[in-house]
PDB file of N, CA and C in Angstrom:
ATOM      1  N   MET A   1       6.205  -2.250  10.969  1.00  0.00           N
ATOM      2  CA  MET A   1       4.976  -1.343  10.919  1.00  0.00           C
ATOM      3  C   MET A   1       3.909  -1.942  12.023  1.00  0.00           C
ATOM      4  N   THR A   2       3.362  -1.031  12.609  1.00  0.00           N
ATOM      5  CA  THR A   2       2.428  -1.617  13.652  1.00  0.00           C
ATOM      6  C   THR A   2       1.028  -1.914  13.057  1.00  0.00           C
ATOM      7  N   ASN A   3       0.151  -2.708  13.623  1.00  0.00           N
ATOM      8  CA  ASN A   3      -1.092  -2.985  13.092  1.00  0.00           C
ATOM      9  C   ASN A   3      -1.971  -1.831  12.859  1.00  0.00           C
ATOM     10  N   LYS A   4      -1.899  -0.829  13.749  1.00  0.00           N
ATOM     11  CA  LYS A   4      -2.611   0.433  13.625  1.00  0.00           C
ATOM     12  C   LYS A   4      -2.279   1.147  12.382  1.00  0.00           C
ATOM     13  N   LEU A   5      -1.000   1.214  12.091  1.00  0.00           N
ATOM     14  CA  LEU A   5      -0.511   1.977  10.956  1.00  0.00           C
ATOM     15  C   LEU A   5      -0.932   1.181   9.540  1.00  0.00           C
ATOM     16  N   ARG A   6      -0.861  -0.169   9.618  1.00  0.00           N
ATOM     17  CA  ARG A   6      -1.145  -0.954   8.541  1.00  0.00           C
ATOM     18  C   ARG A   6      -2.649  -0.788   8.191  1.00  0.00           C
ATOM     19  N   THR A   7      -3.538  -0.871   9.368  1.00  0.00           N
ATOM     20  CA  THR A   7      -4.926  -0.633   9.235  1.00  0.00           C
ATOM     21  C   THR A   7      -5.254   0.861   8.600  1.00  0.00           C
ATOM     22  N   LEU A   8      -4.550   1.739   9.162  1.00  0.00           N
ATOM     23  CA  LEU A   8      -4.901   3.303   8.561  1.00  0.00           C
ATOM     24  C   LEU A   8      -4.389   3.387   7.123  1.00  0.00           C
ATOM     25  N   LEU A   9      -3.352   2.759   6.665  1.00  0.00           N
ATOM     26  CA  LEU A   9      -2.971   2.626   5.205  1.00  0.00           C
ATOM     27  C   LEU A   9      -3.965   1.936   4.393  1.00  0.00           C
ATOM     28  N   ALA A  10      -4.446   0.898   4.726  1.00  0.00           N
ATOM     29  CA  ALA A  10      -5.447   0.099   4.114  1.00  0.00           C
ATOM     30  C   ALA A  10      -6.754   0.777   3.906  1.00  0.00           C
ATOM     31  N   PHE A  11      -7.252   1.512   5.026  1.00  0.00           N
ATOM     32  CA  PHE A  11      -8.409   2.261   4.901  1.00  0.00           C
ATOM     33  C   PHE A  11      -8.240   3.509   4.023  1.00  0.00           C
ATOM     34  N   SER A  12      -7.056   4.187   4.119  1.00  0.00           N
ATOM     35  CA  SER A  12      -6.638   5.213   3.143  1.00  0.00           C
ATOM     36  C   SER A  12      -6.754   4.870   1.718  1.00  0.00           C
ATOM     37  N   ALA A  13      -6.212   3.727   1.386  1.00  0.00           N
ATOM     38  CA  ALA A  13      -6.104   3.161   0.090  1.00  0.00           C
ATOM     39  C   ALA A  13      -7.637   2.855  -0.503  1.00  0.00           C
ATOM     40  N   ILE A  14      -8.418   2.278   0.363  1.00  0.00           N
ATOM     41  CA  ILE A  14      -9.826   1.988   0.052  1.00  0.00           C
ATOM     42  C   ILE A  14     -10.573   3.347  -0.290  1.00  0.00           C
ATOM     43  N   ALA A  15     -10.375   4.309   0.605  1.00  0.00           N
ATOM     44  CA  ALA A  15     -11.118   5.653   0.477  1.00  0.00           C
ATOM     45  C   ALA A  15     -10.520   6.275  -0.935  1.00  0.00           C
ATOM     46  N   VAL A  16      -9.293   6.244  -1.212  1.00  0.00           N
ATOM     47  CA  VAL A  16      -8.875   6.861  -2.446  1.00  0.00           C
ATOM     48  C   VAL A  16      -9.493   6.070  -3.705  1.00  0.00           C
ATOM     49  N   ALA A  17      -9.398   4.773  -3.597  1.00  0.00           N
ATOM     50  CA  ALA A  17      -9.978   4.023  -4.696  1.00  0.00           C
ATOM     51  C   ALA A  17     -11.400   4.272  -4.951  1.00  0.00           C
ATOM     52  N   THR A  18     -12.188   4.324  -3.829  1.00  0.00           N
ATOM     53  CA  THR A  18     -13.631   4.659  -3.950  1.00  0.00           C
ATOM     54  C   THR A  18     -13.893   5.869  -4.432  1.00  0.00           C
ATOM     55  N   ALA A  19     -13.100   7.021  -4.099  1.00  0.00           N
ATOM     56  CA  ALA A  19     -13.343   8.330  -4.574  1.00  0.00           C
ATOM     57  C   ALA A  19     -12.922   8.342  -6.179  1.00  0.00           C
ATOM     58  N   VAL A  20     -12.018   7.634  -6.610  1.00  0.00           N
ATOM     59  CA  VAL A  20     -11.573   7.613  -8.080  1.00  0.00           C
ATOM     60  C   VAL A  20     -12.548   6.910  -8.971  1.00  0.00           C
ATOM     61  N   VAL A  21     -13.104   5.779  -8.558  1.00  0.00           N
ATOM     62  CA  VAL A  21     -13.926   5.031  -9.339  1.00  0.00           C
ATOM     63  C   VAL A  21     -15.070   5.706  -9.971  1.00  0.00           C
ATOM     64  N   PRO A  22     -15.870   6.381  -9.325  1.00  0.00           N
ATOM     65  CA  PRO A  22     -17.083   7.068  -9.952  1.00  0.00           C
ATOM     66  C   PRO A  22     -16.595   8.051 -11.257  1.00  0.00           C
ATOM     67  N   ALA A  23     -15.337   8.666 -11.064  1.00  0.00           N
ATOM     68  CA  ALA A  23     -14.851   9.548 -12.073  1.00  0.00           C
ATOM     69  C   ALA A  23     -14.647   8.802 -13.425  1.00  0.00           C
ATOM     70  N   PHE A  24     -14.023   7.392 -13.268  1.00  0.00           N
ATOM     71  CA  PHE A  24     -13.786   6.753 -14.488  1.00  0.00           C
ATOM     72  C   PHE A  24     -14.884   5.946 -15.003  1.00  0.00           C
ATOM     73  N   GLY A  25     -15.840   5.683 -14.091  1.00  0.00           N
ATOM     74  CA  GLY A  25     -17.152   4.856 -14.513  1.00  0.00           C
ATOM     75  C   GLY A  25     -18.258   5.756 -15.048  1.00  0.00           C
ATOM     76  N   ALA A  26     -18.090   7.058 -14.956  1.00  0.00           N
ATOM     77  CA  ALA A  26     -19.137   7.953 -15.443  1.00  0.00           C
ATOM     78  C   ALA A  26     -19.269   7.995 -16.966  1.00  0.00           C
ATOM     79  N   GLU A  27     -20.508   8.316 -17.467  1.00  0.00           N
ATOM     80  CA  GLU A  27     -20.765   8.462 -18.811  1.00  0.00           C
ATOM     81  C   GLU A  27     -20.257   9.839 -19.231  1.00  0.00           C
ATOM     82  N   MET A  28     -20.201  10.268 -20.403  1.00  0.00           N
ATOM     83  CA  MET A  28     -20.131  11.606 -20.849  1.00  0.00           C
ATOM     84  C   MET A  28     -21.339  12.411 -20.712  1.00  0.00           C
ATOM     85  N   ASP A  29     -21.259  13.626 -20.728  1.00  0.00           N
ATOM     86  CA  ASP A  29     -22.531  14.356 -20.694  1.00  0.00           C
ATOM     87  C   ASP A  29     -23.158  14.090 -22.087  1.00  0.00           C
ATOM     88  N   PRO A  30     -24.422  14.297 -22.175  1.00  0.00           N
ATOM     89  CA  PRO A  30     -25.248  13.894 -23.455  1.00  0.00           C
ATOM     90  C   PRO A  30     -24.884  15.011 -24.520  1.00  0.00           C
ATOM     91  N   ILE A  31     -24.829  14.662 -25.701  1.00  0.00           N
ATOM     92  CA  ILE A  31     -24.608  15.605 -26.791  1.00  0.00           C
ATOM     93  C   ILE A  31     -25.802  15.765 -27.596  1.00  0.00           C
ATOM     94  N   HIS A  32     -26.302  17.033 -27.671  1.00  0.00           N
ATOM     95  CA  HIS A  32     -27.473  17.242 -28.470  1.00  0.00           C
ATOM     96  C   HIS A  32     -27.188  17.831 -29.811  1.00  0.00           C
ATOM     97  N   ILE A  33     -27.559  17.037 -30.934  1.00  0.00           N
ATOM     98  CA  ILE A  33     -27.218  17.417 -32.221  1.00  0.00           C
ATOM     99  C   ILE A  33     -28.498  17.544 -33.205  1.00  0.00           C
ATOM    100  N   SER A  34     -28.442  18.277 -34.019  1.00  0.00           N
ATOM    101  CA  SER A  34     -29.505  18.375 -35.114  1.00  0.00           C
ATOM    102  C   SER A  34     -28.781  17.956 -36.502  1.00  0.00           C
ATOM    103  N   VAL A  35     -29.270  16.967 -37.091  1.00  0.00           N
ATOM    104  CA  VAL A  35     -28.660  16.409 -38.268  1.00  0.00           C
ATOM    105  C   VAL A  35     -29.602  16.901 -39.544  1.00  0.00           C
ATOM    106  N   PRO A  36     -29.186  17.517 -40.498  1.00  0.00           N
ATOM    107  CA  PRO A  36     -29.978  18.011 -41.566  1.00  0.00           C
ATOM    108  C   PRO A  36     -30.077  16.900 -42.703  1.00  0.00           C
ATOM    109  N   PHE A  37     -29.554  15.617 -42.498  1.00  0.00           N
ATOM    110  CA  PHE A  37     -29.734  14.687 -43.590  1.00  0.00           C
ATOM    111  C   PHE A  37     -29.933  13.309 -42.870  1.00  0.00           C
ATOM    112  N   ALA A  38     -30.358  12.371 -43.581  1.00  0.00           N
ATOM    113  CA  ALA A  38     -30.606  10.970 -43.238  1.00  0.00           C
ATOM    114  C   ALA A  38     -29.106  10.405 -43.151  1.00  0.00           C
ATOM    115  N   PHE A  39     -28.972   9.495 -42.304  1.00  0.00           N
ATOM    116  CA  PHE A  39     -27.588   8.917 -42.062  1.00  0.00           C
ATOM    117  C   PHE A  39     -27.650   7.417 -41.460  1.00  0.00           C
ATOM    118  N   LYS A  40     -26.681   6.696 -41.685  1.00  0.00           N
ATOM    119  CA  LYS A  40     -26.623   5.363 -41.123  1.00  0.00           C
ATOM    120  C   LYS A  40     -25.835   5.431 -39.948  1.00  0.00           C
ATOM    121  N   ALA A  41     -26.276   4.780 -38.795  1.00  0.00           N
ATOM    122  CA  ALA A  41     -25.715   4.556 -37.590  1.00  0.00           C
ATOM    123  C   ALA A  41     -25.523   3.124 -37.457  1.00  0.00           C
ATOM    124  N   GLY A  42     -24.363   2.581 -37.569  1.00  0.00           N
ATOM    125  CA  GLY A  42     -24.332   0.969 -37.668  1.00  0.00           C
ATOM    126  C   GLY A  42     -24.984   0.567 -38.968  1.00  0.00           C
ATOM    127  N   LYS A  43     -26.002  -0.441 -38.725  1.00  0.00           N
ATOM    128  CA  LYS A  43     -26.682  -0.874 -39.867  1.00  0.00           C
ATOM    129  C   LYS A  43     -28.177  -0.167 -39.808  1.00  0.00           C
ATOM    130  N   THR A  44     -28.370   0.806 -38.916  1.00  0.00           N
ATOM    131  CA  THR A  44     -29.670   1.478 -38.704  1.00  0.00           C
ATOM    132  C   THR A  44     -29.626   2.749 -39.609  1.00  0.00           C
ATOM    133  N   THR A  45     -30.580   3.017 -40.392  1.00  0.00           N
ATOM    134  CA  THR A  45     -30.707   4.307 -41.152  1.00  0.00           C
ATOM    135  C   THR A  45     -31.711   5.163 -40.355  1.00  0.00           C
ATOM    136  N   LEU A  46     -31.261   6.392 -39.950  1.00  0.00           N
ATOM    137  CA  LEU A  46     -31.914   7.348 -39.270  1.00  0.00           C
ATOM    138  C   LEU A  46     -32.286   8.464 -40.145  1.00  0.00           C
ATOM    139  N   PRO A  47     -33.458   9.215 -40.019  1.00  0.00           N
ATOM    140  CA  PRO A  47     -33.836  10.257 -40.711  1.00  0.00           C
ATOM    141  C   PRO A  47     -33.170  11.547 -40.254  1.00  0.00           C
ATOM    142  N   ALA A  48     -33.239  12.629 -40.908  1.00  0.00           N
ATOM    143  CA  ALA A  48     -32.758  13.905 -40.441  1.00  0.00           C
ATOM    144  C   ALA A  48     -33.531  14.216 -39.263  1.00  0.00           C
ATOM    145  N   GLY A  49     -32.967  14.929 -38.374  1.00  0.00           N
ATOM    146  CA  GLY A  49     -33.824  15.499 -37.159  1.00  0.00           C
ATOM    147  C   GLY A  49     -32.676  15.644 -35.903  1.00  0.00           C
ATOM    148  N   ASP A  50     -33.375  15.747 -34.623  1.00  0.00           N
ATOM    149  CA  ASP A  50     -32.695  15.991 -33.592  1.00  0.00           C
ATOM    150  C   ASP A  50     -32.404  14.820 -32.765  1.00  0.00           C
ATOM    151  N   TYR A  51     -31.251  14.610 -32.321  1.00  0.00           N
ATOM    152  CA  TYR A  51     -30.748  13.469 -31.543  1.00  0.00           C
ATOM    153  C   TYR A  51     -30.009  13.689 -30.404  1.00  0.00           C
ATOM    154  N   VAL A  52     -30.041  12.698 -29.412  1.00  0.00           N
ATOM    155  CA  VAL A  52     -29.081  12.832 -28.190  1.00  0.00           C
ATOM    156  C   VAL A  52     -28.172  11.715 -28.351  1.00  0.00           C
ATOM    157  N   VAL A  53     -26.974  12.013 -28.153  1.00  0.00           N
ATOM    158  CA  VAL A  53     -25.879  11.035 -28.165  1.00  0.00           C
ATOM    159  C   VAL A  53     -25.290  10.794 -26.787  1.00  0.00           C
ATOM    160  N   LEU A  54     -25.160   9.489 -26.462  1.00  0.00           N
ATOM    161  CA  LEU A  54     -24.567   9.202 -25.057  1.00  0.00           C
ATOM    162  C   LEU A  54     -23.494   8.222 -25.385  1.00  0.00           C
ATOM    163  N   GLU A  55     -22.445   8.331 -24.625  1.00  0.00           N
ATOM    164  CA  GLU A  55     -21.415   7.323 -24.784  1.00  0.00           C
ATOM    165  C   GLU A  55     -20.827   6.942 -23.347  1.00  0.00           C
ATOM    166  N   GLU A  56     -20.832   5.549 -23.185  1.00  0.00           N
ATOM    167  CA  GLU A  56     -20.284   5.026 -21.904  1.00  0.00           C
ATOM    168  C   GLU A  56     -18.904   4.715 -22.026  1.00  0.00           C
ATOM    169  N   ASN A  57     -18.231   4.787 -20.791  1.00  0.00           N
ATOM    170  CA  ASN A  57     -16.764   4.463 -20.986  1.00  0.00           C
ATOM    171  C   ASN A  57     -16.485   3.024 -21.468  1.00  0.00           C
ATOM    172  N   SER A  58     -17.497   2.171 -21.463  1.00  0.00           N
ATOM    173  CA  SER A  58     -17.278   0.857 -21.954  1.00  0.00           C
ATOM    174  C   SER A  58     -17.268   0.903 -23.541  1.00  0.00           C
ATOM    175  N   GLY A  59     -17.444   1.842 -24.162  1.00  0.00           N
ATOM    176  CA  GLY A  59     -17.288   1.933 -25.697  1.00  0.00           C
ATOM    177  C   GLY A  59     -18.627   1.837 -26.335  1.00  0.00           C
ATOM    178  N   ILE A  60     -19.624   1.822 -25.652  1.00  0.00           N
ATOM    179  CA  ILE A  60     -21.080   1.658 -26.132  1.00  0.00           C
ATOM    180  C   ILE A  60     -21.668   3.102 -26.318  1.00  0.00           C
ATOM    181  N   ILE A  61     -22.200   3.360 -27.605  1.00  0.00           N
ATOM    182  CA  ILE A  61     -22.689   4.698 -27.929  1.00  0.00           C
ATOM    183  C   ILE A  61     -24.203   4.495 -28.183  1.00  0.00           C
ATOM    184  N   VAL A  62     -24.987   5.287 -27.679  1.00  0.00           N
ATOM    185  CA  VAL A  62     -26.407   5.173 -27.875  1.00  0.00           C
ATOM    186  C   VAL A  62     -26.943   6.535 -28.466  1.00  0.00           C
ATOM    187  N   ILE A  63     -27.547   6.476 -29.675  1.00  0.00           N
ATOM    188  CA  ILE A  63     -28.033   7.653 -30.166  1.00  0.00           C
ATOM    189  C   ILE A  63     -29.529   7.450 -30.252  1.00  0.00           C
ATOM    190  N   LYS A  64     -30.235   8.471 -29.721  1.00  0.00           N
ATOM    191  CA  LYS A  64     -31.743   8.475 -29.692  1.00  0.00           C
ATOM    192  C   LYS A  64     -32.399   9.764 -30.279  1.00  0.00           C
ATOM    193  N   GLY A  65     -33.564   9.664 -30.894  1.00  0.00           N
ATOM    194  CA  GLY A  65     -34.187  10.859 -31.502  1.00  0.00           C
ATOM    195  C   GLY A  65     -35.594  10.263 -31.765  1.00  0.00           C
ATOM    196  N   SER A  66     -36.411  11.162 -32.238  1.00  0.00           N
ATOM    197  CA  SER A  66     -37.771  10.826 -32.538  1.00  0.00           C
ATOM    198  C   SER A  66     -37.963  10.068 -33.740  1.00  0.00           C
ATOM    199  N   GLY A  67     -36.978  10.010 -34.671  1.00  0.00           N
ATOM    200  CA  GLY A  67     -36.932   9.278 -35.745  1.00  0.00           C
ATOM    201  C   GLY A  67     -36.385   7.879 -35.628  1.00  0.00           C
ATOM    202  N   GLY A  68     -35.867   7.545 -34.505  1.00  0.00           N
ATOM    203  CA  GLY A  68     -35.386   6.285 -34.197  1.00  0.00           C
ATOM    204  C   GLY A  68     -34.114   6.265 -33.302  1.00  0.00           C
ATOM    205  N   SER A  69     -33.554   5.121 -32.964  1.00  0.00           N
ATOM    206  CA  SER A  69     -32.443   5.044 -32.159  1.00  0.00           C
ATOM    207  C   SER A  69     -31.440   3.964 -32.650  1.00  0.00           C
ATOM    208  N   ALA A  70     -30.291   3.948 -32.208  1.00  0.00           N
ATOM    209  CA  ALA A  70     -29.210   2.915 -32.494  1.00  0.00           C
ATOM    210  C   ALA A  70     -28.169   2.678 -31.330  1.00  0.00           C
ATOM    211  N   ILE A  71     -27.802   1.600 -31.162  1.00  0.00           N
ATOM    212  CA  ILE A  71     -26.611   1.352 -30.373  1.00  0.00           C
ATOM    213  C   ILE A  71     -25.422   0.903 -31.046  1.00  0.00           C
ATOM    214  N   LEU A  72     -24.402   1.500 -30.747  1.00  0.00           N
ATOM    215  CA  LEU A  72     -23.154   1.211 -31.450  1.00  0.00           C
ATOM    216  C   LEU A  72     -21.932   0.950 -30.700  1.00  0.00           C
ATOM    217  N   LEU A  73     -20.992   0.156 -31.152  1.00  0.00           N
ATOM    218  CA  LEU A  73     -19.680   0.037 -30.541  1.00  0.00           C
ATOM    219  C   LEU A  73     -18.639   1.001 -30.947  1.00  0.00           C
ATOM    220  N   SER A  74     -17.808   1.454 -30.093  1.00  0.00           N
ATOM    221  CA  SER A  74     -16.800   2.361 -30.544  1.00  0.00           C
ATOM    222  C   SER A  74     -15.471   1.952 -30.027  1.00  0.00           C
ATOM    223  N   SER A  75     -14.322   2.448 -30.571  1.00  0.00           N
ATOM    224  CA  SER A  75     -13.041   2.325 -30.087  1.00  0.00           C
ATOM    225  C   SER A  75     -12.378   3.640 -29.966  1.00  0.00           C
ATOM    226  N   ALA A  76     -11.329   3.902 -29.094  1.00  0.00           N
ATOM    227  CA  ALA A  76     -10.673   5.124 -29.045  1.00  0.00           C
ATOM    228  C   ALA A  76     -10.122   5.536 -30.409  1.00  0.00           C
ATOM    229  N   GLY A  77     -10.397   6.675 -30.795  1.00  0.00           N
ATOM    230  CA  GLY A  77      -9.865   7.193 -32.132  1.00  0.00           C
ATOM    231  C   GLY A  77      -8.346   7.659 -31.904  1.00  0.00           C
ATOM    232  N   PRO A  78      -7.802   8.523 -32.728  1.00  0.00           N
ATOM    233  CA  PRO A  78      -6.582   9.072 -32.710  1.00  0.00           C
ATOM    234  C   PRO A  78      -6.480   9.669 -31.187  1.00  0.00           C
ATOM    235  N   ASP A  79      -5.156   9.670 -30.716  1.00  0.00           N
ATOM    236  CA  ASP A  79      -4.902  10.265 -29.465  1.00  0.00           C
ATOM    237  C   ASP A  79      -5.086  11.529 -29.313  1.00  0.00           C
ATOM    238  N   SER A  80      -6.090  12.281 -29.796  1.00  0.00           N
ATOM    239  CA  SER A  80      -6.271  13.630 -29.650  1.00  0.00           C
ATOM    240  C   SER A  80      -7.555  13.866 -28.682  1.00  0.00           C
ATOM    241  N   ILE A  81      -7.404  14.872 -27.820  1.00  0.00           N
ATOM    242  CA  ILE A  81      -8.490  15.159 -27.027  1.00  0.00           C
ATOM    243  C   ILE A  81      -9.390  16.204 -27.658  1.00  0.00           C
ATOM    244  N   ALA A  82     -10.750  15.913 -27.709  1.00  0.00           N
ATOM    245  CA  ALA A  82     -11.588  16.752 -28.252  1.00  0.00           C
ATOM    246  C   ALA A  82     -11.832  18.057 -27.554  1.00  0.00           C
ATOM    247  N   ASP A  83     -11.835  19.216 -28.403  1.00  0.00           N
ATOM    248  CA  ASP A  83     -11.896  20.566 -27.850  1.00  0.00           C
ATOM    249  C   ASP A  83     -13.275  20.992 -27.919  1.00  0.00           C
ATOM    250  N   LYS A  84     -14.142  20.258 -28.606  1.00  0.00           N
ATOM    251  CA  LYS A  84     -15.589  20.557 -28.552  1.00  0.00           C
ATOM    252  C   LYS A  84     -16.391  19.292 -28.656  1.00  0.00           C
ATOM    253  N   ALA A  85     -17.622  19.241 -28.292  1.00  0.00           N
ATOM    254  CA  ALA A  85     -18.445  18.086 -28.324  1.00  0.00           C
ATOM    255  C   ALA A  85     -19.138  18.071 -29.757  1.00  0.00           C
ATOM    256  N   GLY A  86     -19.390  16.904 -30.301  1.00  0.00           N
ATOM    257  CA  GLY A  86     -20.072  16.742 -31.451  1.00  0.00           C
ATOM    258  C   GLY A  86     -19.774  15.369 -32.089  1.00  0.00           C
ATOM    259  N   VAL A  87     -20.192  15.234 -33.424  1.00  0.00           N
ATOM    260  CA  VAL A  87     -20.168  13.967 -34.076  1.00  0.00           C
ATOM    261  C   VAL A  87     -19.600  14.222 -35.441  1.00  0.00           C
ATOM    262  N   SER A  88     -19.014  13.188 -36.156  1.00  0.00           N
ATOM    263  CA  SER A  88     -18.395  13.316 -37.512  1.00  0.00           C
ATOM    264  C   SER A  88     -19.022  12.341 -38.380  1.00  0.00           C
ATOM    265  N   PHE A  89     -19.404  12.782 -39.586  1.00  0.00           N
ATOM    266  CA  PHE A  89     -19.968  11.832 -40.700  1.00  0.00           C
ATOM    267  C   PHE A  89     -19.008  11.653 -41.780  1.00  0.00           C
ATOM    268  N   ALA A  90     -19.214  10.614 -42.559  1.00  0.00           N
ATOM    269  CA  ALA A  90     -18.467  10.387 -43.742  1.00  0.00           C
ATOM    270  C   ALA A  90     -19.532  10.127 -44.810  1.00  0.00           C
ATOM    271  N   ARG A  91     -19.203  10.550 -46.131  1.00  0.00           N
ATOM    272  CA  ARG A  91     -20.191  10.341 -47.061  1.00  0.00           C
ATOM    273  C   ARG A  91     -19.681   9.279 -48.036  1.00  0.00           C
ATOM    274  N   ASN A  92     -20.373   8.311 -48.442  1.00  0.00           N
ATOM    275  CA  ASN A  92     -20.188   7.317 -49.391  1.00  0.00           C
ATOM    276  C   ASN A  92     -21.257   7.080 -50.475  1.00  0.00           C
ATOM    277  N   ASP A  93     -21.266   6.226 -51.260  1.00  0.00           N
ATOM    278  CA  ASP A  93     -22.292   6.048 -52.396  1.00  0.00           C
ATOM    279  C   ASP A  93     -23.600   5.868 -51.747  1.00  0.00           C
ATOM    280  N   GLN A  94     -23.725   5.331 -50.620  1.00  0.00           N
ATOM    281  CA  GLN A  94     -25.135   5.122 -49.922  1.00  0.00           C
ATOM    282  C   GLN A  94     -25.586   6.309 -49.314  1.00  0.00           C
ATOM    283  N   GLY A  95     -24.853   7.339 -48.979  1.00  0.00           N
ATOM    284  CA  GLY A  95     -25.187   8.538 -48.260  1.00  0.00           C
ATOM    285  C   GLY A  95     -24.188   8.770 -47.042  1.00  0.00           C
ATOM    286  N   TYR A  96     -24.785   9.406 -45.988  1.00  0.00           N
ATOM    287  CA  TYR A  96     -23.951   9.769 -44.931  1.00  0.00           C
ATOM    288  C   TYR A  96     -23.914   8.572 -43.819  1.00  0.00           C
ATOM    289  N   VAL A  97     -22.634   8.500 -43.078  1.00  0.00           N
ATOM    290  CA  VAL A  97     -22.415   7.390 -42.262  1.00  0.00           C
ATOM    291  C   VAL A  97     -21.908   8.165 -40.889  1.00  0.00           C
ATOM    292  N   LEU A  98     -22.356   7.758 -39.809  1.00  0.00           N
ATOM    293  CA  LEU A  98     -21.824   8.286 -38.450  1.00  0.00           C
ATOM    294  C   LEU A  98     -20.344   7.647 -38.302  1.00  0.00           C
ATOM    295  N   LYS A  99     -19.268   8.440 -38.179  1.00  0.00           N
ATOM    296  CA  LYS A  99     -18.053   7.945 -38.035  1.00  0.00           C
ATOM    297  C   LYS A  99     -17.343   7.988 -36.692  1.00  0.00           C
ATOM    298  N   SER A 100     -17.566   9.169 -36.016  1.00  0.00           N
ATOM    299  CA  SER A 100     -17.090   9.200 -34.730  1.00  0.00           C
ATOM    300  C   SER A 100     -17.765  10.175 -33.790  1.00  0.00           C
ATOM    301  N   VAL A 101     -17.521  10.112 -32.488  1.00  0.00           N
ATOM    302  CA  VAL A 101     -18.198  10.889 -31.511  1.00  0.00           C
ATOM    303  C   VAL A 101     -17.080  11.566 -30.838  1.00  0.00           C
ATOM    304  N   HIS A 102     -17.387  12.925 -30.435  1.00  0.00           N
ATOM    305  CA  HIS A 102     -16.296  13.738 -29.824  1.00  0.00           C
ATOM    306  C   HIS A 102     -16.944  14.516 -28.606  1.00  0.00           C
ATOM    307  N   ALA A 103     -16.482  14.021 -27.418  1.00  0.00           N
ATOM    308  CA  ALA A 103     -16.946  14.609 -26.205  1.00  0.00           C
ATOM    309  C   ALA A 103     -15.795  15.396 -25.776  1.00  0.00           C
ATOM    310  N   TRP A 104     -16.156  16.691 -25.223  1.00  0.00           N
ATOM    311  CA  TRP A 104     -15.372  17.632 -24.841  1.00  0.00           C
ATOM    312  C   TRP A 104     -14.395  17.095 -23.704  1.00  0.00           C
ATOM    313  N   GLY A 105     -12.993  17.161 -23.864  1.00  0.00           N
ATOM    314  CA  GLY A 105     -12.109  16.881 -23.003  1.00  0.00           C
ATOM    315  C   GLY A 105     -11.846  15.399 -22.953  1.00  0.00           C
ATOM    316  N   LYS A 106     -12.423  14.583 -23.790  1.00  0.00           N
ATOM    317  CA  LYS A 106     -12.108  13.069 -23.886  1.00  0.00           C
ATOM    318  C   LYS A 106     -11.511  12.747 -25.386  1.00  0.00           C
ATOM    319  N   ILE A 107     -11.007  11.612 -25.425  1.00  0.00           N
ATOM    320  CA  ILE A 107     -10.406  10.996 -26.621  1.00  0.00           C
ATOM    321  C   ILE A 107     -11.542  10.808 -27.468  1.00  0.00           C
ATOM    322  N   SER A 108     -11.599  11.092 -28.816  1.00  0.00           N
ATOM    323  CA  SER A 108     -12.582  10.949 -29.696  1.00  0.00           C
ATOM    324  C   SER A 108     -12.726   9.363 -29.906  1.00  0.00           C
ATOM    325  N   SER A 109     -13.998   9.055 -30.095  1.00  0.00           N
ATOM    326  CA  SER A 109     -14.375   7.544 -30.396  1.00  0.00           C
ATOM    327  C   SER A 109     -14.798   7.346 -31.719  1.00  0.00           C
ATOM    328  N   SER A 110     -14.313   6.308 -32.410  1.00  0.00           N
ATOM    329  CA  SER A 110     -14.440   6.026 -33.752  1.00  0.00           C
ATOM    330  C   SER A 110     -15.520   4.733 -33.719  1.00  0.00           C
ATOM    331  N   ILE A 111     -16.561   4.842 -34.612  1.00  0.00           N
ATOM    332  CA  ILE A 111     -17.533   3.952 -34.435  1.00  0.00           C
ATOM    333  C   ILE A 111     -16.945   2.636 -35.355  1.00  0.00           C
ATOM    334  N   LEU A 112     -17.115   1.539 -34.629  1.00  0.00           N
ATOM    335  CA  LEU A 112     -16.499   0.352 -35.347  1.00  0.00           C
ATOM    336  C   LEU A 112     -17.388  -0.049 -36.431  1.00  0.00           C
ATOM    337  N   PRO A 113     -16.794  -0.466 -37.726  1.00  0.00           N
ATOM    338  CA  PRO A 113     -17.637  -0.833 -38.782  1.00  0.00           C
ATOM    339  C   PRO A 113     -18.232  -2.285 -38.573  1.00  0.00           C
ATOM    340  N   ILE A 114     -19.358  -2.371 -39.099  1.00  0.00           N
ATOM    341  CA  ILE A 114     -20.027  -3.744 -39.115  1.00  0.00           C
ATOM    342  C   ILE A 114     -19.608  -4.684 -40.337  1.00  0.00           C
ATOM    343  N   THR A 115     -19.096  -5.721 -39.826  1.00  0.00           N
ATOM    344  CA  THR A 115     -18.567  -6.773 -40.781  1.00  0.00           C
ATOM    345  C   THR A 115     -19.576  -7.499 -41.506  1.00  0.00           C
ATOM    346  N   SER A 116     -19.381  -8.104 -42.549  1.00  0.00           N
ATOM    347  CA  SER A 116     -20.420  -8.918 -43.306  1.00  0.00           C
ATOM    348  C   SER A 116     -20.942  -9.892 -42.503  1.00  0.00           C
ATOM    349  N   GLY A 117     -20.114 -10.536 -41.533  1.00  0.00           N
ATOM    350  CA  GLY A 117     -20.668 -11.611 -40.666  1.00  0.00           C
ATOM    351  C   GLY A 117     -21.627 -11.099 -39.560  1.00  0.00           C
ATOM    352  N   GLN A 118     -21.552  -9.829 -39.217  1.00  0.00           N
ATOM    353  CA  GLN A 118     -22.413  -9.165 -38.264  1.00  0.00           C
ATOM    354  C   GLN A 118     -23.726  -8.898 -38.792  1.00  0.00           C
ATOM    355  N   GLU A 119     -23.790  -8.602 -40.107  1.00  0.00           N
ATOM    356  CA  GLU A 119     -25.065  -8.028 -40.747  1.00  0.00           C
ATOM    357  C   GLU A 119     -25.915  -9.277 -40.997  1.00  0.00           C
ATOM    358  N   LYS A 120     -27.193  -9.237 -40.580  1.00  0.00           N
ATOM    359  CA  LYS A 120     -28.209 -10.262 -40.834  1.00  0.00           C
ATOM    360  C   LYS A 120     -29.466  -9.688 -40.930  1.00  0.00           C
TER     361      LYS A 120
END
């Protein structure tokens, strides 16, 4: 291989890698939700109201609203691609708990539970 060809291949690989990185590093579009009940997001209790949910590819979920906000960790849920954007809740003895976030066209993210060692 000539030096010109090697240089051309190296620059082509850099151009392709640069074009692909923003697509993988981008956040999901914000999800706007209206929740008719109080709920727990991690260890934070949030009142009923309107919220914006953002998820970064790093597994960090941020939920913000006029009643408060929370930052949560998530993991990829079952290997199913969401066909709509939204969130899922579970109900237990203490009320409703945010369980997962579904961004259209992405694998759903499950909220990681807080262990007793993390609660303080």
